[in-house]
C-alpha atoms as a PDB file:
ATOM      1  CA  UNK A   1      91.313 110.282 100.917  1.00  0.00           C
ATOM      2  CA  UNK A   2      90.958 108.971  96.964  1.00  0.00           C
ATOM      3  CA  UNK A   3      88.225 110.312  94.786  1.00  0.00           C
ATOM      4  CA  UNK A   4      85.580 108.169  92.922  1.00  0.00           C
ATOM      5  CA  UNK A   5      85.153 108.933  89.126  1.00  0.00           C
ATOM      6  CA  UNK A   6      81.636 109.504  88.304  1.00  0.00           C
ATOM      7  CA  UNK A   7      80.212 109.322  84.647  1.00  0.00           C
ATOM      8  CA  UNK A   8      77.324 111.616  84.517  1.00  0.00           C
ATOM      9  CA  UNK A   9      76.465 111.669  81.150  1.00  0.00           C
ATOM     10  CA  UNK A  10      76.085 107.514  81.215  1.00  0.00           C
ATOM     11  CA  UNK A  11      74.010 108.192  84.309  1.00  0.00           C
ATOM     12  CA  UNK A  12      71.744 110.746  83.163  1.00  0.00           C
ATOM     13  CA  UNK A  13      71.431 108.114  79.811  1.00  0.00           C
ATOM     14  CA  UNK A  14      70.436 105.567  81.975  1.00  0.00           C
ATOM     15  CA  UNK A  15      67.635 107.581  83.734  1.00  0.00           C
ATOM     16  CA  UNK A  16      66.281 108.854  80.232  1.00  0.00           C
ATOM     17  CA  UNK A  17      66.208 105.354  79.389  1.00  0.00           C
ATOM     18  CA  UNK A  18      64.047 104.300  82.452  1.00  0.00           C
ATOM     19  CA  UNK A  19      61.580 107.227  82.061  1.00  0.00           C
ATOM     20  CA  UNK A  20      62.867 110.246  83.227  1.00  0.00           C
ATOM     21  CA  UNK A  21      62.665 113.412  81.613  1.00  0.00           C
ATOM     22  CA  UNK A  22      65.999 115.465  80.579  1.00  0.00           C
ATOM     23  CA  UNK A  23      65.584 118.022  82.867  1.00  0.00           C
ATOM     24  CA  UNK A  24      64.850 115.485  86.195  1.00  0.00           C
ATOM     25  CA  UNK A  25      67.612 113.370  85.090  1.00  0.00           C
ATOM     26  CA  UNK A  26      70.140 115.826  85.245  1.00  0.00           C
ATOM     27  CA  UNK A  27      69.100 116.992  88.442  1.00  0.00           C
ATOM     28  CA  UNK A  28      69.040 113.523  90.084  1.00  0.00           C
ATOM     29  CA  UNK A  29      72.906 113.022  88.587  1.00  0.00           C
ATOM     30  CA  UNK A  30      73.737 116.299  89.749  1.00  0.00           C
ATOM     31  CA  UNK A  31      72.086 115.592  93.539  1.00  0.00           C
ATOM     32  CA  UNK A  32      73.868 112.260  93.432  1.00  0.00           C
ATOM     33  CA  UNK A  33      77.282 113.497  92.354  1.00  0.00           C
ATOM     34  CA  UNK A  34      77.119 115.998  95.124  1.00  0.00           C
ATOM     35  CA  UNK A  35      76.362 113.440  97.553  1.00  0.00           C
ATOM     36  CA  UNK A  36      78.900 111.027  96.482  1.00  0.00           C
ATOM     37  CA  UNK A  37      81.225 113.834  96.633  1.00  0.00           C
ATOM     38  CA  UNK A  38      80.897 114.320 100.218  1.00  0.00           C
ATOM     39  CA  UNK A  39      81.803 110.727 101.012  1.00  0.00           C
ATOM     40  CA  UNK A  40      85.117 110.052 102.335  1.00  0.00           C
ATOM     41  CA  UNK A  41      86.468 106.743 101.526  1.00  0.00           C
ATOM     42  CA  UNK A  42      88.678 104.604 103.872  1.00  0.00           C
ATOM     43  CA  UNK A  43      91.933 103.539 101.853  1.00  0.00           C
ATOM     44  CA  UNK A  44      94.174 100.724 102.779  1.00  0.00           C
ATOM     45  CA  UNK A  45      96.604 103.109 104.068  1.00  0.00           C
ATOM     46  CA  UNK A  46      94.438 104.940 105.950  1.00  0.00           C
ATOM     47  CA  UNK A  47      93.196 101.876 107.763  1.00  0.00           C
ATOM     48  CA  UNK A  48      96.786 100.600 107.942  1.00  0.00           C
ATOM     49  CA  UNK A  49      97.720 104.037 110.228  1.00  0.00           C
ATOM     50  CA  UNK A  50      94.610 104.022 112.448  1.00  0.00           C
ATOM     51  CA  UNK A  51      95.329 100.334 113.062  1.00  0.00           C
ATOM     52  CA  UNK A  52      98.869 101.147 114.070  1.00  0.00           C
ATOM     53  CA  UNK A  53      98.232 104.144 115.951  1.00  0.00           C
ATOM     54  CA  UNK A  54      95.507 102.510 118.076  1.00  0.00           C
ATOM     55  CA  UNK A  55      97.389  98.791 118.639  1.00  0.00           C
ATOM     56  CA  UNK A  56     100.541 100.499 119.545  1.00  0.00           C
ATOM     57  CA  UNK A  57      99.479 100.887 123.270  1.00  0.00           C
ATOM     58  CA  UNK A  58      98.426  97.479 123.414  1.00  0.00           C
ATOM     59  CA  UNK A  59     101.463  95.844 122.169  1.00  0.00           C
ATOM     60  CA  UNK A  60     103.413  97.906 124.482  1.00  0.00           C
ATOM     61  CA  UNK A  61     101.473  96.341 127.301  1.00  0.00           C
ATOM     62  CA  UNK A  62     101.627  92.742 125.947  1.00  0.00           C
ATOM     63  CA  UNK A  63     105.587  93.421 125.822  1.00  0.00           C
ATOM     64  CA  UNK A  64     105.648  94.515 129.499  1.00  0.00           C
ATOM     65  CA  UNK A  65     103.715  91.615 130.349  1.00  0.00           C
ATOM     66  CA  UNK A  66     105.884  89.148 128.527  1.00  0.00           C
ATOM     67  CA  UNK A  67     109.103  90.928 130.415  1.00  0.00           C
ATOM     68  CA  UNK A  68     106.922  90.589 133.569  1.00  0.00           C
ATOM     69  CA  UNK A  69     106.361  86.496 133.303  1.00  0.00           C
ATOM     70  CA  UNK A  70     109.934  85.969 132.052  1.00  0.00           C
ATOM     71  CA  UNK A  71     110.909  87.430 135.611  1.00  0.00           C
ATOM     72  CA  UNK A  72     108.653  85.486 137.694  1.00  0.00           C
ATOM     73  CA  UNK A  73     109.233  82.271 135.642  1.00  0.00           C
ATOM     74  CA  UNK A  74     113.199  82.741 136.223  1.00  0.00           C
ATOM     75  CA  UNK A  75     112.383  83.393 139.958  1.00  0.00           C
ATOM     76  CA  UNK A  76     110.066  80.039 140.275  1.00  0.00           C
ATOM     77  CA  UNK A  77     113.113  78.208 138.676  1.00  0.00           C
ATOM     78  CA  UNK A  78     115.286  79.959 141.272  1.00  0.00           C
ATOM     79  CA  UNK A  79     113.444  78.747 143.935  1.00  0.00           C
ATOM     80  CA  UNK A  80     112.608  74.859 142.781  1.00  0.00           C
ATOM     81  CA  UNK A  81     116.318  74.924 142.044  1.00  0.00           C
ATOM     82  CA  UNK A  82     117.347  76.444 145.533  1.00  0.00           C
ATOM     83  CA  UNK A  83     114.717  73.751 147.096  1.00  0.00           C
ATOM     84  CA  UNK A  84     116.401  70.486 145.548  1.00  0.00           C
ATOM     85  CA  UNK A  85     119.935  71.485 145.285  1.00  0.00           C
END
């Protein structure tokens, strides 16, 4: 998982401009930074690995059905050819 950079100084200065005092702004910035650090981000690689793991059994089953359908179609064609020739 990747980390997100967080500019606490800019965040504190924005809170101060909005009317918070220094101590409260620093407390809010620290709390937000702690909460944001606990979040896990999903990267493209993580998503691709998860999809690959989840879709592999489905792909295998579809491949099996494709071969089974091919065998059935060959049998039907063989019966049709036998009936007319």
